[in-house]
Amino acid sequence: MLKVMIVDDEALVRIGIKSCIEWEKYGLEFVGQAEDGMQALELIEAACPDIVLTDILMPNMDGLELIERLSARFPQIKIVVLSCHHEMDSVKKAMRLGAEDYILKLSMKPDQLLEVLLKAKAQVEKERLQNEEKITFESVLRANKQVIKNGLYKKIMSGSISYAEFQKESSIMQVRPEFTQYLVMYCAIDDYDDAPAKSRMRDSHLLSSSFLNILQEGLADFAKAEFAELGEGEYLILLDATFLRTPEHPILSELFQKMNRSLKRYLNITVSLVVSGKTGSLKEVPAFYAQAKQASGYRFYRGKACLIFAGDVPEFTDKEIIFGLEEEKRLIDHLNANDYDGVTSVVNRFFHSIAAHGAYHPMRVKTSLLHVLYIFMKVLEPYQEHLRLTDDESDTKWSEMILDAETLHDIKSTVDEFIGGFMQSMLSVKGQTARAEIMSVKRYVCENIGQNISLEEAAKYSNMSRSYFSYLFKKEIGESFTHFVNRTKMEKAKELIIKRNLKVYEAAEKVGIKDEAYFSKLFKKYIGVSPGKIKGKGM
């Protein structure tokens, strides 16, 4: 129901209008009448009508002043002027002030009045619908602004829409940047495939939302910025560049470090950032972004959480990397001799030569290392029938890990782990027993139980690399070196408490642990009960 009010100083006019319309039948409700504009304003405040029928000539406050006030305070109210023939100049003024329509009250008939009212009613309903649609649009826009922004920037970056179309759509969707100088940057989440699990987020969408929130908050006191997710874990950042003298401004390094500290603290992730250049035109942003994305390939050499300035890096050398025949022969000889140190020295030299060049295309590097992996598998081939490789030990698994690696450091870690497993497999198929070095380390730990021997120290004692020793120890003993050391210490402590009647803190000190709380925690983990409970019970 739309509410209607009448304002006229003639009672007969008011009564006549009120009685000549079947209000409810036409979705209307008569909510009041007033004798002049002053009285009408008080009633309008209380009744909130949608349509007001008003005379022009009235005492105290005439219709023109009423219309002017209503237009200023209640612009949504539709005003219909009740006039006489000689008042046409005033009617024209009323229309200029905001009246919707007029009707000659002395000659009007009920059907004419109804027609005017229904016309005003239709206009009110139309505007209400438009307002609801606007509110809905703005609500959807607010809720999906980042998604809309992502989609628009993806289109302009890929060239699927023109710059003119981008300007038009971004303006309509209210996602255009508010600044005029742009510093273009490419941002990538390191180890993106594992990032949701590392950050304890349910999925990548939640991670991206949290990531953008942290960036926005972090930059709030620094500069205006716009963000758009253009790929999985890949973002365009447009920074207000009006305060920067050059794209390499030192404050960017400080900003980058602050950004990664926050991301590491709250999401347990890091990002790498490539700074491209400054421009005063959004039209040039796609070219700058493409340059930054291409330069991001140097993350491969510089590692994760790195800051790269696109102008400082050359184009990649896209040519085959040769693993020389002499080196290949040395590698095969070392493999056949089960010479772990010899194998690692050859592989490390190859890695060093790649890192020293520092500009080979990452895919060329990965392809060359897959060739090295193939050499290992050719050496193992005659023994394949004696091996029962699991999926985790297959060459396919190692190949995929190399191809999926983001940095040269990641590949080196993968290859080191592969070599450790490979050498153990060679020992196994050739019928060789556990190496004496492992048994020597076990004896060393037992004889020096009061010392805290680290994995690095044990590996050095055995003349092995840390990774190979760790792998070999667990393979042969059935538990990690750390677990072996802790278990051996707790078993010795149990013996000291029961058989030598030492106090708990004394037993802890004897096995090299000064923190009694930490000792009690370890003791319960490996022995099953707290040390205080076994004292004097002979368990």
Protein backbone atom coordinates (compact mmCIF):
# COMPACT_ATOMS: atom_id res chain seq x y z
CA MET A 1 0.00 0.00 0.00
CA LEU A 2 1.24 3.47 -0.92
CA LYS A 3 0.34 6.27 1.49
CA VAL A 4 -1.48 9.40 0.28
CA MET A 5 -1.94 12.74 2.09
CA ILE A 6 -4.04 15.83 1.16
CA VAL A 7 -3.04 19.43 1.95
CA ASP A 8 -5.75 22.07 1.23
CA ASP A 9 -7.28 24.88 3.25
CA GLU A 10 -10.78 24.09 1.92
CA ALA A 11 -12.48 21.36 3.95
CA LEU A 12 -14.92 20.48 1.14
CA VAL A 13 -12.02 19.79 -1.23
CA ARG A 14 -10.35 17.55 1.31
CA ILE A 15 -13.58 15.67 2.06
CA GLY A 16 -14.42 15.34 -1.63
CA ILE A 17 -11.05 13.87 -2.58
CA LYS A 18 -11.01 11.52 0.43
CA SER A 19 -14.47 10.13 -0.36
CA CYS A 20 -14.29 9.80 -4.16
CA ILE A 21 -11.53 7.16 -4.33
CA GLU A 22 -11.67 3.50 -3.29
CA TRP A 23 -8.17 3.72 -1.86
CA GLU A 24 -7.49 0.09 -0.91
CA LYS A 25 -8.88 -1.22 -4.21
CA TYR A 26 -6.02 0.54 -6.01
CA GLY A 27 -3.26 -0.24 -3.52
CA LEU A 28 -3.48 3.15 -1.84
CA GLU A 29 -3.98 4.23 1.76
CA PHE A 30 -5.29 7.63 2.90
CA VAL A 31 -3.09 8.61 5.86
CA GLY A 32 -4.05 12.21 6.71
CA GLN A 33 -5.04 15.70 5.74
CA ALA A 34 -3.76 19.20 6.58
CA GLU A 35 -5.06 22.76 6.18
CA ASP A 36 -1.73 24.38 5.35
CA GLY A 37 1.93 23.66 4.68
CA MET A 38 3.02 24.10 8.30
CA GLN A 39 0.56 21.52 9.57
CA ALA A 40 1.37 19.27 6.64
CA LEU A 41 5.09 19.12 7.52
CA GLU A 42 4.28 17.84 11.03
CA LEU A 43 1.96 15.14 9.64
CA ILE A 44 4.46 14.13 6.95
CA GLU A 45 7.17 13.62 9.60
CA ALA A 46 4.86 11.18 11.42
CA ALA A 47 3.00 9.44 8.57
CA CYS A 48 5.75 9.29 5.90
CA PRO A 49 3.43 9.47 2.87
CA ASP A 50 4.50 8.43 -0.63
CA ILE A 51 2.20 10.88 -2.45
CA VAL A 52 1.12 14.36 -1.34
CA LEU A 53 -1.75 16.27 -3.00
CA THR A 54 -1.31 19.97 -2.21
CA ASP A 55 -3.05 23.23 -2.96
CA ILE A 56 -0.94 26.30 -3.80
CA LEU A 57 -2.69 29.19 -2.10
CA MET A 58 -2.85 28.46 1.65
CA PRO A 59 -2.32 30.48 4.87
CA ASN A 60 0.80 30.22 7.11
CA MET A 61 2.81 28.24 4.53
CA ASP A 62 1.68 28.07 0.91
CA GLY A 63 2.04 25.12 -1.43
CA LEU A 64 5.16 26.44 -3.18
CA GLU A 65 7.12 26.69 0.06
CA LEU A 66 5.88 23.26 1.10
CA ILE A 67 6.99 21.75 -2.22
CA GLU A 68 10.41 23.36 -1.90
CA ARG A 69 10.89 21.99 1.62
CA LEU A 70 9.64 18.53 0.70
CA SER A 71 11.92 18.38 -2.34
CA ALA A 72 14.89 19.17 -0.11
CA ARG A 73 14.02 16.91 2.85
CA PHE A 74 11.94 14.12 1.28
CA PRO A 75 12.88 13.92 -2.40
CA GLN A 76 11.27 10.47 -2.70
CA ILE A 77 7.74 11.87 -2.07
CA LYS A 78 5.69 12.46 -5.25
CA ILE A 79 3.86 15.79 -5.16
CA VAL A 80 0.68 16.47 -7.15
CA VAL A 81 -0.48 20.10 -7.29
CA LEU A 82 -4.18 20.95 -6.86
CA SER A 83 -4.65 24.17 -8.82
CA CYS A 84 -7.11 26.56 -10.42
CA HIS A 85 -7.04 27.99 -13.97
CA HIS A 86 -5.67 31.34 -12.87
CA GLU A 87 -2.74 29.69 -10.97
CA MET A 88 -0.86 28.29 -14.02
CA ASP A 89 2.24 30.46 -13.45
CA SER A 90 2.43 29.10 -9.90
CA VAL A 91 1.92 25.56 -11.23
CA LYS A 92 4.87 25.98 -13.56
CA LYS A 93 6.99 27.19 -10.64
CA ALA A 94 5.78 24.22 -8.57
CA MET A 95 6.90 21.82 -11.33
CA ARG A 96 10.32 23.46 -11.39
CA LEU A 97 10.55 23.07 -7.61
CA GLY A 98 9.91 19.32 -7.87
CA ALA A 99 6.19 18.63 -8.26
CA GLU A 100 5.41 15.46 -10.23
CA ASP A 101 2.07 16.46 -11.78
CA TYR A 102 -0.95 18.77 -11.38
CA ILE A 103 -4.74 18.61 -11.67
CA LEU A 104 -7.37 21.38 -11.89
CA LYS A 105 -9.36 20.83 -8.72
CA LEU A 106 -12.49 22.73 -9.70
CA SER A 107 -13.10 20.64 -12.82
CA MET A 108 -11.51 17.34 -11.83
CA LYS A 109 -13.50 14.12 -11.91
CA PRO A 110 -12.80 11.00 -9.78
CA ASP A 111 -11.45 9.04 -12.73
CA GLN A 112 -9.09 11.91 -13.64
CA LEU A 113 -7.85 12.12 -10.06
CA LEU A 114 -7.40 8.34 -9.96
CA GLU A 115 -5.43 8.43 -13.18
CA VAL A 116 -3.05 11.05 -11.76
CA LEU A 117 -2.67 9.10 -8.50
CA LEU A 118 -1.98 5.80 -10.30
CA LYS A 119 0.59 7.53 -12.48
CA ALA A 120 2.36 8.85 -9.38
CA LYS A 121 2.02 5.41 -7.75
CA ALA A 122 3.66 3.76 -10.77
CA GLN A 123 6.54 6.24 -10.59
CA VAL A 124 7.06 5.54 -6.88
CA GLU A 125 7.11 1.77 -7.48
CA LYS A 126 9.49 2.14 -10.41
CA GLU A 127 11.92 4.20 -8.36
CA ARG A 128 11.67 1.76 -5.46
CA LEU A 129 12.50 -1.12 -7.77
CA GLN A 130 15.41 0.79 -9.24
CA ASN A 131 16.66 1.63 -5.76
CA GLU A 132 16.37 -2.02 -4.68
CA GLU A 133 18.26 -3.09 -7.78
CA LYS A 134 20.91 -0.47 -7.05
CA ILE A 135 21.23 -1.64 -3.45
CA THR A 136 21.42 -5.27 -4.60
CA PHE A 137 24.01 -4.37 -7.23
CA GLU A 138 26.13 -2.45 -4.73
CA SER A 139 25.82 -5.29 -2.22
CA VAL A 140 26.90 -7.87 -4.80
CA LEU A 141 29.64 -5.52 -5.94
CA ARG A 142 30.99 -5.14 -2.41
CA ALA A 143 30.85 -8.88 -1.77
CA ASN A 144 32.47 -9.78 -5.09
CA LYS A 145 34.60 -6.73 -5.78
CA GLN A 146 37.87 -8.67 -5.67
CA VAL A 147 36.51 -11.43 -7.92
CA ILE A 148 35.27 -8.81 -10.40
CA LYS A 149 38.61 -7.02 -10.26
CA ASN A 150 40.48 -10.30 -10.83
CA GLY A 151 38.36 -11.07 -13.88
CA LEU A 152 38.78 -7.62 -15.45
CA TYR A 153 42.55 -7.55 -14.98
CA LYS A 154 42.84 -11.09 -16.37
CA LYS A 155 41.04 -9.90 -19.50
CA ILE A 156 43.20 -6.81 -20.02
CA MET A 157 46.42 -8.75 -19.33
CA SER A 158 45.50 -11.51 -21.79
CA GLY A 159 44.34 -9.05 -24.43
CA SER A 160 40.82 -10.46 -24.56
CA ILE A 161 39.36 -6.96 -24.11
CA SER A 162 40.57 -3.60 -25.36
CA TYR A 163 41.85 -0.86 -23.09
CA ALA A 164 38.72 1.19 -23.85
CA GLU A 165 36.49 -1.73 -22.81
CA PHE A 166 38.55 -2.19 -19.65
CA GLN A 167 38.15 1.51 -18.78
CA LYS A 168 34.39 1.33 -19.28
CA GLU A 169 33.85 -1.90 -17.29
CA SER A 170 36.21 -0.99 -14.45
CA SER A 171 34.45 2.35 -14.08
CA ILE A 172 31.00 0.72 -13.97
CA MET A 173 32.19 -1.90 -11.50
CA GLN A 174 34.00 0.74 -9.43
CA VAL A 175 37.36 -1.06 -9.46
CA ARG A 176 39.58 1.50 -11.15
CA PRO A 177 42.65 2.56 -9.14
CA GLU A 178 42.38 5.94 -7.42
CA PHE A 179 45.94 6.99 -8.30
CA THR A 180 47.64 7.99 -11.55
CA GLN A 181 51.24 6.76 -11.26
CA TYR A 182 51.64 2.99 -11.15
CA LEU A 183 54.53 0.81 -10.04
CA VAL A 184 53.86 -2.59 -11.63
CA MET A 185 54.83 -5.72 -9.73
CA TYR A 186 54.43 -9.47 -10.12
CA CYS A 187 53.93 -11.39 -6.86
CA ALA A 188 53.96 -15.18 -6.45
CA ILE A 189 53.28 -17.34 -3.39
CA ASP A 190 56.24 -19.67 -2.85
CA ASP A 191 55.41 -23.42 -2.92
CA TYR A 192 51.82 -22.53 -3.82
CA ASP A 193 50.64 -26.16 -4.15
CA ASP A 194 51.59 -26.84 -0.53
CA ALA A 195 50.66 -23.40 0.82
CA PRO A 196 47.05 -24.14 1.96
CA ALA A 197 48.20 -27.14 4.03
CA LYS A 198 51.17 -25.24 5.47
CA SER A 199 48.94 -22.31 6.41
CA ARG A 200 46.15 -24.56 7.80
CA MET A 201 43.67 -23.00 5.38
CA ARG A 202 40.86 -25.17 4.06
CA ASP A 203 41.48 -24.33 0.43
CA SER A 204 43.34 -22.06 -1.94
CA HIS A 205 40.44 -19.55 -2.16
CA LEU A 206 40.53 -18.93 1.57
CA LEU A 207 44.31 -18.64 1.43
CA SER A 208 44.12 -16.07 -1.37
CA SER A 209 41.52 -14.01 0.50
CA SER A 210 43.59 -14.03 3.70
CA PHE A 211 46.73 -13.24 1.71
CA LEU A 212 45.15 -10.17 0.08
CA ASN A 213 43.76 -8.95 3.42
CA ILE A 214 47.23 -9.06 4.97
CA LEU A 215 48.74 -7.23 1.98
CA GLN A 216 46.10 -4.50 2.14
CA GLU A 217 46.57 -4.00 5.86
CA GLY A 218 50.35 -4.05 5.52
CA LEU A 219 50.34 -1.43 2.79
CA ALA A 220 47.69 0.82 4.33
CA ASP A 221 50.27 3.07 6.03
CA PHE A 222 52.72 2.87 3.15
CA ALA A 223 50.95 3.62 -0.12
CA LYS A 224 47.75 3.11 -2.04
CA ALA A 225 47.69 -0.21 -3.86
CA GLU A 226 45.53 -2.38 -6.08
CA PHE A 227 45.72 -6.18 -6.23
CA ALA A 228 44.43 -8.77 -8.68
CA GLU A 229 44.87 -12.54 -8.68
CA LEU A 230 45.73 -13.49 -12.26
CA GLY A 231 46.65 -17.14 -11.81
CA GLU A 232 47.07 -19.78 -9.12
CA GLY A 233 49.20 -18.04 -6.52
CA GLU A 234 50.11 -15.25 -8.98
CA TYR A 235 49.17 -11.62 -8.38
CA LEU A 236 49.41 -8.24 -10.04
CA ILE A 237 50.22 -5.44 -7.59
CA LEU A 238 49.85 -1.83 -8.65
CA LEU A 239 51.45 0.51 -6.16
CA ASP A 240 50.94 4.27 -6.06
CA ALA A 241 54.33 5.37 -7.42
CA THR A 242 54.04 9.11 -6.89
CA PHE A 243 56.42 8.97 -3.92
CA LEU A 244 59.08 6.82 -5.65
CA ARG A 245 62.04 8.38 -7.41
CA THR A 246 62.93 5.11 -9.17
CA PRO A 247 61.44 1.58 -9.30
CA GLU A 248 64.48 0.43 -7.26
CA HIS A 249 63.71 2.83 -4.40
CA PRO A 250 65.25 1.36 -1.16
CA ILE A 251 61.94 1.59 0.67
CA LEU A 252 60.65 -1.27 -1.51
CA SER A 253 63.10 -3.67 0.10
CA GLU A 254 61.87 -2.64 3.53
CA LEU A 255 58.26 -3.05 2.39
CA PHE A 256 59.02 -6.49 0.94
CA GLN A 257 60.67 -7.73 4.14
CA LYS A 258 57.77 -6.43 6.23
CA MET A 259 55.30 -8.15 3.92
CA ASN A 260 57.03 -11.52 4.23
CA ARG A 261 57.35 -11.25 8.01
CA SER A 262 53.60 -10.75 8.31
CA LEU A 263 52.78 -13.53 5.85
CA LYS A 264 55.13 -15.94 7.60
CA ARG A 265 53.69 -15.07 11.00
CA TYR A 266 50.01 -15.28 10.13
CA LEU A 267 49.86 -17.70 7.17
CA ASN A 268 53.20 -19.54 7.35
CA ILE A 269 53.93 -18.66 3.72
CA THR A 270 56.36 -16.40 1.88
CA VAL A 271 56.14 -14.62 -1.45
CA SER A 272 58.60 -13.59 -4.11
CA LEU A 273 58.22 -10.20 -5.74
CA VAL A 274 59.36 -8.85 -9.10
CA VAL A 275 59.35 -5.08 -9.61
CA SER A 276 58.93 -4.07 -13.25
CA GLY A 277 58.63 -0.32 -13.76
CA LYS A 278 56.66 2.91 -13.41
CA THR A 279 53.99 4.17 -15.77
CA GLY A 280 51.37 6.87 -15.82
CA SER A 281 48.98 4.86 -17.99
CA LEU A 282 46.98 1.74 -17.20
CA LYS A 283 47.25 0.95 -20.90
CA GLU A 284 50.96 0.16 -20.42
CA VAL A 285 50.46 -2.08 -17.36
CA PRO A 286 50.09 -5.39 -19.31
CA ALA A 287 53.49 -4.92 -20.96
CA PHE A 288 55.17 -4.11 -17.64
CA TYR A 289 53.47 -7.09 -15.98
CA ALA A 290 54.60 -9.46 -18.76
CA GLN A 291 58.17 -8.22 -18.27
CA ALA A 292 57.93 -8.81 -14.51
CA LYS A 293 56.47 -12.29 -14.91
CA GLN A 294 59.23 -13.29 -17.30
CA ALA A 295 61.88 -12.01 -14.89
CA SER A 296 60.25 -14.03 -12.07
CA GLY A 297 61.95 -17.08 -13.54
CA TYR A 298 65.07 -15.95 -11.67
CA ARG A 299 63.43 -17.18 -8.48
CA PHE A 300 64.85 -20.48 -9.69
CA TYR A 301 68.37 -19.28 -8.88
CA ARG A 302 67.75 -16.75 -6.12
CA GLY A 303 65.48 -18.96 -4.05
CA LYS A 304 62.19 -18.31 -2.35
CA ALA A 305 61.18 -15.04 -0.67
CA CYS A 306 63.35 -13.11 -3.11
CA LEU A 307 63.00 -9.56 -4.43
CA ILE A 308 63.90 -9.11 -8.11
CA PHE A 309 64.10 -5.93 -10.17
CA ALA A 310 63.23 -6.84 -13.74
CA GLY A 311 65.69 -4.36 -15.21
CA ASP A 312 68.61 -6.05 -13.43
CA VAL A 313 68.28 -9.53 -14.92
CA PRO A 314 69.19 -10.68 -18.46
CA GLU A 315 67.11 -12.97 -20.63
CA PHE A 316 67.60 -16.69 -19.97
CA THR A 317 70.08 -18.67 -22.04
CA ASP A 318 67.85 -21.16 -23.79
CA LYS A 319 70.33 -23.81 -24.92
CA GLU A 320 71.04 -27.40 -23.98
CA ILE A 321 73.20 -28.00 -20.89
CA ILE A 322 75.74 -30.74 -21.53
CA PHE A 323 76.79 -33.22 -18.84
CA GLY A 324 80.20 -34.05 -20.29
CA LEU A 325 81.20 -37.57 -21.33
CA GLU A 326 84.20 -37.54 -18.98
CA GLU A 327 82.00 -36.60 -16.04
CA GLU A 328 79.45 -39.22 -17.05
CA LYS A 329 82.19 -41.89 -17.08
CA ARG A 330 83.44 -40.78 -13.66
CA LEU A 331 79.90 -40.92 -12.29
CA ILE A 332 79.33 -44.45 -13.60
CA ASP A 333 82.69 -45.62 -12.17
CA HIS A 334 81.83 -44.17 -8.73
CA LEU A 335 78.36 -45.73 -8.84
CA ASN A 336 79.71 -49.17 -9.67
CA ALA A 337 82.26 -48.85 -6.87
CA ASN A 338 79.56 -47.75 -4.37
CA ASP A 339 81.67 -44.65 -3.81
CA TYR A 340 79.14 -42.24 -2.29
CA ASP A 341 81.58 -39.38 -1.86
CA GLY A 342 82.78 -39.77 -5.44
CA VAL A 343 79.21 -39.73 -6.75
CA THR A 344 78.30 -36.61 -4.79
CA SER A 345 81.47 -34.81 -5.88
CA VAL A 346 80.61 -35.32 -9.57
CA VAL A 347 76.97 -34.24 -9.10
CA ASN A 348 77.95 -31.25 -6.95
CA ARG A 349 80.35 -30.04 -9.62
CA PHE A 350 77.52 -30.12 -12.15
CA PHE A 351 75.24 -28.17 -9.85
CA HIS A 352 78.02 -25.66 -9.18
CA SER A 353 78.57 -25.07 -12.91
CA ILE A 354 74.82 -24.44 -13.40
CA ALA A 355 74.63 -22.05 -10.45
CA ALA A 356 77.80 -20.22 -11.59
CA HIS A 357 76.28 -19.59 -15.03
CA GLY A 358 73.06 -18.43 -13.32
CA ALA A 359 71.08 -17.73 -16.48
CA TYR A 360 70.17 -21.10 -17.99
CA HIS A 361 66.44 -21.47 -18.56
CA PRO A 362 65.04 -23.50 -15.61
CA MET A 363 63.51 -26.09 -17.92
CA ARG A 364 66.91 -26.64 -19.55
CA VAL A 365 68.37 -27.22 -16.08
CA LYS A 366 65.65 -29.71 -15.18
CA THR A 367 66.08 -31.57 -18.46
CA SER A 368 69.82 -31.89 -17.92
CA LEU A 369 69.32 -33.24 -14.40
CA LEU A 370 66.79 -35.76 -15.67
CA HIS A 371 69.58 -36.96 -17.97
CA VAL A 372 71.82 -37.41 -14.92
CA LEU A 373 69.00 -39.31 -13.21
CA TYR A 374 68.79 -41.57 -16.28
CA ILE A 375 72.50 -42.44 -15.85
CA PHE A 376 71.79 -43.64 -12.31
CA MET A 377 68.89 -45.79 -13.46
CA LYS A 378 70.98 -47.33 -16.29
CA VAL A 379 73.58 -48.42 -13.71
CA LEU A 380 70.82 -49.95 -11.57
CA GLU A 381 69.13 -51.66 -14.55
CA PRO A 382 71.03 -55.02 -14.33
CA TYR A 383 69.81 -55.41 -10.74
CA GLN A 384 66.17 -54.49 -11.33
CA GLU A 385 64.89 -58.06 -10.98
CA HIS A 386 66.29 -58.19 -7.45
CA LEU A 387 64.59 -54.96 -6.42
CA ARG A 388 61.02 -54.35 -5.33
CA LEU A 389 60.69 -50.62 -5.68
CA THR A 390 57.73 -48.86 -4.10
CA ASP A 391 56.07 -45.89 -5.77
CA ASP A 392 58.13 -43.60 -3.53
CA GLU A 393 61.35 -45.17 -4.81
CA SER A 394 60.50 -45.20 -8.53
CA ASP A 395 62.33 -43.03 -11.04
CA THR A 396 58.97 -41.54 -12.08
CA LYS A 397 58.52 -40.10 -8.60
CA TRP A 398 61.96 -38.47 -8.62
CA SER A 399 61.45 -37.13 -12.16
CA GLU A 400 58.18 -35.48 -11.15
CA MET A 401 59.81 -33.92 -8.08
CA ILE A 402 62.55 -32.41 -10.25
CA LEU A 403 60.08 -31.09 -12.81
CA ASP A 404 57.83 -29.60 -10.10
CA ALA A 405 60.67 -27.95 -8.15
CA GLU A 406 60.55 -24.15 -7.97
CA THR A 407 64.22 -23.50 -7.24
CA LEU A 408 67.64 -24.96 -7.94
CA HIS A 409 68.02 -25.45 -4.19
CA ASP A 410 64.89 -27.62 -4.15
CA ILE A 411 66.28 -29.74 -6.98
CA LYS A 412 69.61 -30.14 -5.16
CA SER A 413 67.79 -31.38 -2.04
CA THR A 414 65.76 -33.82 -4.14
CA VAL A 415 68.86 -35.14 -5.92
CA ASP A 416 70.75 -35.53 -2.61
CA GLU A 417 67.87 -37.59 -1.22
CA PHE A 418 67.73 -39.64 -4.41
CA ILE A 419 71.47 -40.40 -4.26
CA GLY A 420 71.17 -41.56 -0.65
CA GLY A 421 68.39 -44.00 -1.52
CA PHE A 422 70.11 -45.14 -4.68
CA MET A 423 73.38 -45.97 -2.93
CA GLN A 424 71.51 -47.95 -0.27
CA SER A 425 69.71 -49.88 -3.02
CA MET A 426 73.05 -50.70 -4.64
CA LEU A 427 74.39 -51.95 -1.31
CA SER A 428 71.27 -54.10 -0.91
CA VAL A 429 71.30 -55.75 -4.32
CA LYS A 430 75.02 -56.47 -4.12
CA GLY A 431 74.52 -58.35 -0.85
CA GLN A 432 76.53 -55.96 1.29
CA THR A 433 75.69 -55.79 5.01
CA ALA A 434 75.22 -52.69 7.08
CA ARG A 435 78.15 -50.37 7.04
CA ALA A 436 80.50 -50.50 9.99
CA GLU A 437 80.29 -46.72 10.37
CA ILE A 438 76.69 -46.97 11.57
CA MET A 439 77.58 -49.47 14.29
CA SER A 440 80.53 -47.29 15.26
CA VAL A 441 78.22 -44.30 15.73
CA LYS A 442 75.86 -46.35 17.91
CA ARG A 443 78.76 -47.35 20.14
CA TYR A 444 79.98 -43.74 20.24
CA VAL A 445 76.56 -42.51 21.40
CA CYS A 446 76.32 -45.16 24.13
CA GLU A 447 79.85 -44.46 25.36
CA ASN A 448 79.24 -40.70 25.45
CA ILE A 449 75.67 -40.65 26.73
CA GLY A 450 76.25 -37.42 28.67
CA GLN A 451 77.01 -35.52 25.47
CA ASN A 452 74.39 -34.12 23.10
CA ILE A 453 75.66 -35.46 19.79
CA SER A 454 74.01 -33.78 16.82
CA LEU A 455 73.17 -35.34 13.47
CA GLU A 456 75.86 -33.20 11.85
CA GLU A 457 78.48 -34.41 14.35
CA ALA A 458 77.48 -38.04 13.84
CA ALA A 459 77.65 -37.68 10.05
CA LYS A 460 81.09 -36.09 10.31
CA TYR A 461 82.23 -38.88 12.65
CA SER A 462 81.15 -41.37 9.96
CA ASN A 463 82.74 -39.43 7.08
CA MET A 464 79.35 -39.07 5.36
CA SER A 465 77.19 -36.19 4.30
CA ARG A 466 74.39 -35.25 6.66
CA SER A 467 71.61 -36.32 4.26
CA TYR A 468 73.19 -39.65 3.34
CA PHE A 469 74.01 -40.53 6.95
CA SER A 470 70.45 -39.68 8.04
CA TYR A 471 68.98 -41.83 5.30
CA LEU A 472 71.34 -44.76 5.87
CA PHE A 473 70.97 -44.74 9.66
CA LYS A 474 67.17 -44.92 9.52
CA LYS A 475 67.29 -47.56 6.79
CA GLU A 476 69.55 -49.86 8.79
CA ILE A 477 68.54 -49.15 12.40
CA GLY A 478 64.82 -48.65 11.80
CA GLU A 479 64.53 -45.25 13.47
CA SER A 480 65.94 -41.77 12.95
CA PHE A 481 69.24 -40.81 14.57
CA THR A 482 67.48 -38.30 16.84
CA HIS A 483 65.00 -40.91 18.05
CA PHE A 484 67.82 -43.39 18.67
CA VAL A 485 69.78 -40.85 20.74
CA ASN A 486 66.75 -39.80 22.81
CA ARG A 487 65.61 -43.38 23.40
CA THR A 488 69.13 -44.46 24.44
CA LYS A 489 69.40 -41.52 26.86
CA MET A 490 66.03 -42.32 28.47
CA GLU A 491 66.83 -46.03 28.85
CA LYS A 492 70.12 -45.10 30.53
CA ALA A 493 68.30 -42.58 32.78
CA LYS A 494 65.79 -45.25 33.82
CA GLU A 495 68.66 -47.51 34.81
CA LEU A 496 70.30 -44.71 36.84
CA ILE A 497 67.07 -43.91 38.70
CA ILE A 498 66.21 -47.53 39.55
CA LYS A 499 69.54 -49.25 40.06
CA ARG A 500 71.66 -46.36 41.32
CA ASN A 501 68.82 -44.59 43.10
CA LEU A 502 69.67 -41.20 41.57
CA LYS A 503 67.26 -38.31 41.86
CA VAL A 504 65.43 -37.33 38.69
CA TYR A 505 67.45 -34.14 38.10
CA GLU A 506 70.70 -36.08 38.74
CA ALA A 507 69.78 -38.73 36.16
CA ALA A 508 68.86 -35.97 33.72
CA GLU A 509 72.24 -34.31 34.11
CA LYS A 510 74.04 -37.65 33.68
CA VAL A 511 72.46 -38.08 30.23
CA GLY A 512 73.21 -34.51 29.22
CA ILE A 513 69.82 -32.82 29.82
CA LYS A 514 69.72 -29.83 32.19
CA ASP A 515 66.06 -28.91 31.70
CA GLU A 516 64.16 -31.21 34.10
CA ALA A 517 60.76 -30.46 32.53
CA TYR A 518 62.04 -31.35 29.06
CA PHE A 519 63.69 -34.47 30.49
CA SER A 520 60.40 -35.58 32.10
CA LYS A 521 58.57 -35.05 28.80
CA LEU A 522 61.10 -37.15 26.87
CA PHE A 523 61.17 -39.82 29.59
CA LYS A 524 57.40 -40.29 29.49
CA LYS A 525 57.46 -40.41 25.68
CA TYR A 526 60.06 -43.19 25.45
CA ILE A 527 59.55 -45.09 28.75
CA GLY A 528 55.78 -44.65 29.05
CA VAL A 529 55.59 -43.17 32.56
CA SER A 530 56.99 -40.09 34.27
CA PRO A 531 60.40 -40.55 35.95
CA GLY A 532 58.99 -39.76 39.40
CA LYS A 533 56.64 -42.77 39.26
CA ILE A 534 59.33 -45.36 38.62
CA LYS A 535 61.71 -44.20 41.36
CA GLY A 536 61.93 -46.95 43.95
CA LYS A 537 59.41 -49.22 42.12
CA GLY A 538 61.93 -51.23 40.17
CA MET A 539 60.07 -50.90 36.88
